[in-house]
Amino acid sequence: MTKRVAIFLSGGGSNMRALVEDMTGEHPARPCLVFSNQADAGGIAWAKERGIPTEVVDHRPFNGDRAAFEAAITEKITPYASDIICLAGFMRKLTGAFTDQWAGRMINIHPSLLPKYRGLHTHARALEAGDARHGCTVHEVTAELDDGPILGQASLEVGPDDTPETLAARVLKLEHQLYPACLRRFAEGNREPLCIKACLVIPRDLR
């Protein structure tokens, strides 16, 4: 049975676009909803233009009451009967109460080779540490920030002239390959970690 996928985002949604564009043909999943905490998020406009249902719950009126915010999210998304939630640049930390409801059904992409560099500023931290390789990780979501079973990783060599900005741009290209590949496997019930270098051709400018 085809899985129904809700995608959460807070900004332009480039990873959401990569996921949606991959969910065609024989893919085991289809997008049923794009959700955001920002009404003016570029990803919301993109989804609307393509006829994908969208919903928004602004977090700001809740004044830090995460339980109430998440209750509002649940009310909005429940009618769409999602099987999987993909976090794609959703910049709000979810409570354990919410993640427990979606245990084994919610995944995220993070711009580091976890368990290194949970949280923000991952590219700058990799450069400061002098890492030879950097990349991204897709993982199941748990109550702990950027934790949970790893579903796939992709990496590239850090160049001598890389800055946080150039490294972010290069890693983002990897994210757009890794996330769709991992979602496809996840929707099929395959939880074995994926190494993108072993399974996909990496363009030369990403090496």
C-alpha atoms as a PDB file:
ATOM      1  CA  MET A   1       0.000   0.000   0.000  1.00  0.00           C
ATOM      2  CA  THR A   2       1.295   3.450  -0.898  1.00  0.00           C
ATOM      3  CA  LYS A   3       2.477   5.409   2.142  1.00  0.00           C
ATOM      4  CA  ARG A   4       1.179   8.912   2.778  1.00  0.00           C
ATOM      5  CA  VAL A   5       3.938  11.388   3.648  1.00  0.00           C
ATOM      6  CA  ALA A   6       3.625  14.693   5.493  1.00  0.00           C
ATOM      7  CA  ILE A   7       6.625  17.002   5.160  1.00  0.00           C
ATOM      8  CA  PHE A   8       7.377  19.609   7.847  1.00  0.00           C
ATOM      9  CA  LEU A   9       9.459  22.685   7.024  1.00  0.00           C
ATOM     10  CA  SER A  10      10.143  26.232   8.157  1.00  0.00           C
ATOM     11  CA  GLY A  11      11.761  27.815   5.106  1.00  0.00           C
ATOM     12  CA  GLY A  12      12.302  27.414   1.391  1.00  0.00           C
ATOM     13  CA  GLY A  13      11.992  23.660   1.524  1.00  0.00           C
ATOM     14  CA  SER A  14      14.679  22.527  -0.909  1.00  0.00           C
ATOM     15  CA  ASN A  15      14.768  19.092   0.731  1.00  0.00           C
ATOM     16  CA  MET A  16      10.975  18.949   0.574  1.00  0.00           C
ATOM     17  CA  ARG A  17      11.186  19.627  -3.153  1.00  0.00           C
ATOM     18  CA  ALA A  18      13.716  16.831  -3.604  1.00  0.00           C
ATOM     19  CA  LEU A  19      11.425  14.433  -1.732  1.00  0.00           C
ATOM     20  CA  VAL A  20       8.303  15.438  -3.658  1.00  0.00           C
ATOM     21  CA  GLU A  21      10.019  15.262  -7.041  1.00  0.00           C
ATOM     22  CA  ASP A  22      11.216  11.742  -6.247  1.00  0.00           C
ATOM     23  CA  MET A  23       7.780  10.476  -5.167  1.00  0.00           C
ATOM     24  CA  THR A  24       6.565   9.541  -8.637  1.00  0.00           C
ATOM     25  CA  GLY A  25       6.119   6.405 -10.699  1.00  0.00           C
ATOM     26  CA  GLU A  26       6.815   3.218  -8.753  1.00  0.00           C
ATOM     27  CA  HIS A  27       7.816   5.066  -5.587  1.00  0.00           C
ATOM     28  CA  PRO A  28       6.162   3.474  -2.510  1.00  0.00           C
ATOM     29  CA  ALA A  29       5.012   6.844  -1.111  1.00  0.00           C
ATOM     30  CA  ARG A  30       3.232  10.033  -2.100  1.00  0.00           C
ATOM     31  CA  PRO A  31       3.127  13.482  -0.454  1.00  0.00           C
ATOM     32  CA  CYS A  32      -0.183  14.126   1.296  1.00  0.00           C
ATOM     33  CA  LEU A  33       0.689  17.360   3.145  1.00  0.00           C
ATOM     34  CA  VAL A  34       3.298  20.084   3.497  1.00  0.00           C
ATOM     35  CA  PHE A  35       3.181  21.661   6.957  1.00  0.00           C
ATOM     36  CA  SER A  36       4.984  24.720   8.330  1.00  0.00           C
ATOM     37  CA  ASN A  37       5.167  26.950  11.366  1.00  0.00           C
ATOM     38  CA  GLN A  38       5.730  29.900   9.003  1.00  0.00           C
ATOM     39  CA  ALA A  39       2.887  31.058   6.762  1.00  0.00           C
ATOM     40  CA  ASP A  40       5.315  32.826   4.425  1.00  0.00           C
ATOM     41  CA  ALA A  41       7.687  29.863   4.078  1.00  0.00           C
ATOM     42  CA  GLY A  42       8.795  29.454   0.484  1.00  0.00           C
ATOM     43  CA  GLY A  43       8.116  25.733   0.668  1.00  0.00           C
ATOM     44  CA  ILE A  44       4.435  26.361   1.382  1.00  0.00           C
ATOM     45  CA  ALA A  45       4.069  28.506  -1.735  1.00  0.00           C
ATOM     46  CA  TRP A  46       5.892  25.899  -3.844  1.00  0.00           C
ATOM     47  CA  ALA A  47       3.616  23.108  -2.614  1.00  0.00           C
ATOM     48  CA  LYS A  48       0.453  25.139  -3.204  1.00  0.00           C
ATOM     49  CA  GLU A  49       1.509  25.824  -6.786  1.00  0.00           C
ATOM     50  CA  ARG A  50       1.697  22.069  -7.340  1.00  0.00           C
ATOM     51  CA  GLY A  51      -1.612  21.225  -5.734  1.00  0.00           C
ATOM     52  CA  ILE A  52      -0.166  19.638  -2.601  1.00  0.00           C
ATOM     53  CA  PRO A  53      -2.293  20.327   0.499  1.00  0.00           C
ATOM     54  CA  THR A  54      -0.682  22.692   3.005  1.00  0.00           C
ATOM     55  CA  GLU A  55      -1.299  23.613   6.626  1.00  0.00           C
ATOM     56  CA  VAL A  56       0.305  26.198   8.913  1.00  0.00           C
ATOM     57  CA  VAL A  57       0.419  26.605  12.690  1.00  0.00           C
ATOM     58  CA  ASP A  58       2.385  29.673  13.770  1.00  0.00           C
ATOM     59  CA  HIS A  59       4.318  28.815  16.934  1.00  0.00           C
ATOM     60  CA  ARG A  60       4.606  32.413  18.144  1.00  0.00           C
ATOM     61  CA  PRO A  61       1.116  32.889  19.644  1.00  0.00           C
ATOM     62  CA  PHE A  62       1.768  29.911  21.936  1.00  0.00           C
ATOM     63  CA  ASN A  63       4.481  31.851  23.813  1.00  0.00           C
ATOM     64  CA  GLY A  64       6.684  28.838  24.359  1.00  0.00           C
ATOM     65  CA  ASP A  65       3.875  26.446  25.319  1.00  0.00           C
ATOM     66  CA  ARG A  66       5.166  23.550  23.251  1.00  0.00           C
ATOM     67  CA  ALA A  67       2.437  21.148  24.357  1.00  0.00           C
ATOM     68  CA  ALA A  68      -0.290  23.507  23.147  1.00  0.00           C
ATOM     69  CA  PHE A  69       1.588  24.168  19.904  1.00  0.00           C
ATOM     70  CA  GLU A  70       1.938  20.459  19.234  1.00  0.00           C
ATOM     71  CA  ALA A  71      -1.718  19.854  20.071  1.00  0.00           C
ATOM     72  CA  ALA A  72      -2.579  22.397  17.378  1.00  0.00           C
ATOM     73  CA  ILE A  73      -0.247  20.635  14.947  1.00  0.00           C
ATOM     74  CA  THR A  74      -1.917  17.305  15.661  1.00  0.00           C
ATOM     75  CA  GLU A  75      -5.354  18.809  15.088  1.00  0.00           C
ATOM     76  CA  LYS A  76      -4.247  20.189  11.713  1.00  0.00           C
ATOM     77  CA  ILE A  77      -2.473  17.108  10.396  1.00  0.00           C
ATOM     78  CA  THR A  78      -4.746  14.319  11.662  1.00  0.00           C
ATOM     79  CA  PRO A  79      -7.289  14.570   8.805  1.00  0.00           C
ATOM     80  CA  TYR A  80      -4.533  13.775   6.294  1.00  0.00           C
ATOM     81  CA  ALA A  81      -3.911  10.301   7.772  1.00  0.00           C
ATOM     82  CA  SER A  82      -0.158  10.459   7.255  1.00  0.00           C
ATOM     83  CA  ASP A  83       1.882   7.282   7.562  1.00  0.00           C
ATOM     84  CA  ILE A  84       5.258   9.049   7.703  1.00  0.00           C
ATOM     85  CA  ILE A  85       6.443  12.510   8.724  1.00  0.00           C
ATOM     86  CA  CYS A  86       9.611  13.870   7.122  1.00  0.00           C
ATOM     87  CA  LEU A  87      11.235  16.819   8.882  1.00  0.00           C
ATOM     88  CA  ALA A  88      12.886  18.912   6.178  1.00  0.00           C
ATOM     89  CA  GLY A  89      14.266  22.029   7.788  1.00  0.00           C
ATOM     90  CA  PHE A  90      11.562  22.250  10.457  1.00  0.00           C
ATOM     91  CA  MET A  91      13.183  24.575  12.974  1.00  0.00           C
ATOM     92  CA  ARG A  92      11.160  23.755  16.082  1.00  0.00           C
ATOM     93  CA  LYS A  93      12.227  21.162  18.633  1.00  0.00           C
ATOM     94  CA  LEU A  94       9.477  18.624  19.222  1.00  0.00           C
ATOM     95  CA  THR A  95       8.695  17.214  22.653  1.00  0.00           C
ATOM     96  CA  GLY A  96       8.945  13.580  23.605  1.00  0.00           C
ATOM     97  CA  ALA A  97       5.162  13.411  23.835  1.00  0.00           C
ATOM     98  CA  PHE A  98       4.886  14.272  20.141  1.00  0.00           C
ATOM     99  CA  THR A  99       7.803  12.165  18.921  1.00  0.00           C
ATOM    100  CA  ASP A 100       6.532   9.167  20.892  1.00  0.00           C
ATOM    101  CA  GLN A 101       3.245   9.363  18.975  1.00  0.00           C
ATOM    102  CA  TRP A 102       5.237   9.054  15.762  1.00  0.00           C
ATOM    103  CA  ALA A 103       7.894   6.610  16.933  1.00  0.00           C
ATOM    104  CA  GLY A 104       9.170   4.614  13.977  1.00  0.00           C
ATOM    105  CA  ARG A 105       7.242   6.841  11.560  1.00  0.00           C
ATOM    106  CA  MET A 106       9.125  10.167  11.637  1.00  0.00           C
ATOM    107  CA  ILE A 107      12.498  10.878  10.034  1.00  0.00           C
ATOM    108  CA  ASN A 108      14.813  13.873   9.758  1.00  0.00           C
ATOM    109  CA  ILE A 109      17.833  15.023   7.794  1.00  0.00           C
ATOM    110  CA  HIS A 110      20.680  16.707   9.649  1.00  0.00           C
ATOM    111  CA  PRO A 111      23.721  18.444   8.099  1.00  0.00           C
ATOM    112  CA  SER A 112      26.472  16.524   9.864  1.00  0.00           C
ATOM    113  CA  LEU A 113      27.799  13.008  10.164  1.00  0.00           C
ATOM    114  CA  LEU A 114      25.996  12.128  13.369  1.00  0.00           C
ATOM    115  CA  PRO A 115      26.744  11.581  16.180  1.00  0.00           C
ATOM    116  CA  LYS A 116      29.057  14.528  15.478  1.00  0.00           C
ATOM    117  CA  TYR A 117      27.667  18.040  15.750  1.00  0.00           C
ATOM    118  CA  ARG A 118      24.100  17.760  16.919  1.00  0.00           C
ATOM    119  CA  GLY A 119      22.261  21.072  16.802  1.00  0.00           C
ATOM    120  CA  LEU A 120      23.203  24.180  14.841  1.00  0.00           C
ATOM    121  CA  HIS A 121      26.284  25.584  13.051  1.00  0.00           C
ATOM    122  CA  THR A 122      27.442  22.147  11.971  1.00  0.00           C
ATOM    123  CA  HIS A 123      29.563  23.290   9.031  1.00  0.00           C
ATOM    124  CA  ALA A 124      31.510  25.844  11.047  1.00  0.00           C
ATOM    125  CA  ARG A 125      32.070  23.275  13.783  1.00  0.00           C
ATOM    126  CA  ALA A 126      33.393  20.720  11.291  1.00  0.00           C
ATOM    127  CA  LEU A 127      35.832  23.286   9.907  1.00  0.00           C
ATOM    128  CA  GLU A 128      36.938  24.368  13.373  1.00  0.00           C
ATOM    129  CA  ALA A 129      37.622  20.743  14.274  1.00  0.00           C
ATOM    130  CA  GLY A 130      39.701  20.232  11.133  1.00  0.00           C
ATOM    131  CA  ASP A 131      37.560  17.342   9.904  1.00  0.00           C
ATOM    132  CA  ALA A 132      38.729  15.756   6.660  1.00  0.00           C
ATOM    133  CA  ARG A 133      35.187  14.687   5.744  1.00  0.00           C
ATOM    134  CA  HIS A 134      31.789  16.182   6.411  1.00  0.00           C
ATOM    135  CA  GLY A 135      28.288  15.359   5.283  1.00  0.00           C
ATOM    136  CA  CYS A 136      24.711  14.663   6.273  1.00  0.00           C
ATOM    137  CA  THR A 137      22.625  12.054   8.053  1.00  0.00           C
ATOM    138  CA  VAL A 138      19.051  10.808   7.788  1.00  0.00           C
ATOM    139  CA  HIS A 139      17.771   9.342  11.038  1.00  0.00           C
ATOM    140  CA  GLU A 140      14.610   8.348  12.833  1.00  0.00           C
ATOM    141  CA  VAL A 141      13.359  11.036  15.209  1.00  0.00           C
ATOM    142  CA  THR A 142      13.329  10.499  18.965  1.00  0.00           C
ATOM    143  CA  ALA A 143      12.878  12.820  21.925  1.00  0.00           C
ATOM    144  CA  GLU A 144      16.615  13.562  21.968  1.00  0.00           C
ATOM    145  CA  LEU A 145      17.837  16.255  19.580  1.00  0.00           C
ATOM    146  CA  ASP A 146      19.314  14.833  16.360  1.00  0.00           C
ATOM    147  CA  ASP A 147      19.344  11.339  17.813  1.00  0.00           C
ATOM    148  CA  GLY A 148      17.662   8.099  16.841  1.00  0.00           C
ATOM    149  CA  PRO A 149      18.634   5.193  14.584  1.00  0.00           C
ATOM    150  CA  ILE A 150      20.649   6.252  11.545  1.00  0.00           C
ATOM    151  CA  LEU A 151      19.048   5.431   8.192  1.00  0.00           C
ATOM    152  CA  GLY A 152      21.761   6.788   5.926  1.00  0.00           C
ATOM    153  CA  GLN A 153      24.783   9.040   5.612  1.00  0.00           C
ATOM    154  CA  ALA A 154      26.608  10.770   2.781  1.00  0.00           C
ATOM    155  CA  SER A 155      29.982  12.454   3.013  1.00  0.00           C
ATOM    156  CA  LEU A 156      32.451  14.496   1.007  1.00  0.00           C
ATOM    157  CA  GLU A 157      36.000  15.711   1.429  1.00  0.00           C
ATOM    158  CA  VAL A 158      36.433  19.083   3.100  1.00  0.00           C
ATOM    159  CA  GLY A 159      38.438  21.340   0.807  1.00  0.00           C
ATOM    160  CA  PRO A 160      41.278  23.583   1.977  1.00  0.00           C
ATOM    161  CA  ASP A 161      39.380  26.679   0.843  1.00  0.00           C
ATOM    162  CA  ASP A 162      35.982  25.681   2.219  1.00  0.00           C
ATOM    163  CA  THR A 163      34.063  28.156   4.351  1.00  0.00           C
ATOM    164  CA  PRO A 164      30.915  27.376   6.338  1.00  0.00           C
ATOM    165  CA  GLU A 165      28.919  28.773   3.415  1.00  0.00           C
ATOM    166  CA  THR A 166      30.623  26.791   0.655  1.00  0.00           C
ATOM    167  CA  LEU A 167      30.571  23.629   2.731  1.00  0.00           C
ATOM    168  CA  ALA A 168      26.863  24.091   3.453  1.00  0.00           C
ATOM    169  CA  ALA A 169      26.130  24.465  -0.258  1.00  0.00           C
ATOM    170  CA  ARG A 170      28.084  21.325  -1.142  1.00  0.00           C
ATOM    171  CA  VAL A 171      26.501  19.259   1.625  1.00  0.00           C
ATOM    172  CA  LEU A 172      23.036  20.456   0.592  1.00  0.00           C
ATOM    173  CA  LYS A 173      23.539  18.805  -2.796  1.00  0.00           C
ATOM    174  CA  LEU A 174      24.238  15.557  -0.979  1.00  0.00           C
ATOM    175  CA  GLU A 175      21.133  16.020   1.162  1.00  0.00           C
ATOM    176  CA  HIS A 176      19.019  16.224  -1.984  1.00  0.00           C
ATOM    177  CA  GLN A 177      20.294  12.781  -2.999  1.00  0.00           C
ATOM    178  CA  LEU A 178      20.389  11.084   0.388  1.00  0.00           C
ATOM    179  CA  TYR A 179      16.981  12.062   1.763  1.00  0.00           C
ATOM    180  CA  PRO A 180      14.898  10.786  -1.181  1.00  0.00           C
ATOM    181  CA  ALA A 181      16.891   7.549  -1.265  1.00  0.00           C
ATOM    182  CA  CYS A 182      16.357   6.971   2.456  1.00  0.00           C
ATOM    183  CA  LEU A 183      12.655   7.836   2.333  1.00  0.00           C
ATOM    184  CA  ARG A 184      12.118   5.369  -0.500  1.00  0.00           C
ATOM    185  CA  ARG A 185      13.736   2.589   1.539  1.00  0.00           C
ATOM    186  CA  PHE A 186      11.957   3.644   4.739  1.00  0.00           C
ATOM    187  CA  ALA A 187       8.555   3.549   3.021  1.00  0.00           C
ATOM    188  CA  GLU A 188       9.363   0.021   1.858  1.00  0.00           C
ATOM    189  CA  GLY A 189      10.120  -1.000   5.448  1.00  0.00           C
ATOM    190  CA  ASN A 190      13.890  -1.131   4.954  1.00  0.00           C
ATOM    191  CA  ARG A 191      15.700   0.286   7.999  1.00  0.00           C
ATOM    192  CA  GLU A 192      19.216  -0.809   7.044  1.00  0.00           C
ATOM    193  CA  PRO A 193      21.586   2.194   7.013  1.00  0.00           C
ATOM    194  CA  LEU A 194      22.401   3.479   3.537  1.00  0.00           C
ATOM    195  CA  CYS A 195      25.842   4.696   2.504  1.00  0.00           C
ATOM    196  CA  ILE A 196      25.262   6.979  -0.437  1.00  0.00           C
ATOM    197  CA  LYS A 197      28.783   6.491  -1.788  1.00  0.00           C
ATOM    198  CA  ALA A 198      28.150   2.776  -2.075  1.00  0.00           C
ATOM    199  CA  CYS A 199      24.760   3.165  -3.728  1.00  0.00           C
ATOM    200  CA  LEU A 200      24.721   6.376  -5.734  1.00  0.00           C
ATOM    201  CA  VAL A 201      27.110   8.093  -8.096  1.00  0.00           C
ATOM    202  CA  ILE A 202      28.490  11.231  -6.455  1.00  0.00           C
ATOM    203  CA  PRO A 203      29.029  14.079  -8.926  1.00  0.00           C
ATOM    204  CA  ARG A 204      32.689  15.020  -9.197  1.00  0.00           C
ATOM    205  CA  ASP A 205      32.142  18.504  -7.755  1.00  0.00           C
ATOM    206  CA  LEU A 206      30.882  16.959  -4.507  1.00  0.00           C
ATOM    207  CA  ARG A 207      33.939  14.795  -3.849  1.00  0.00           C
END
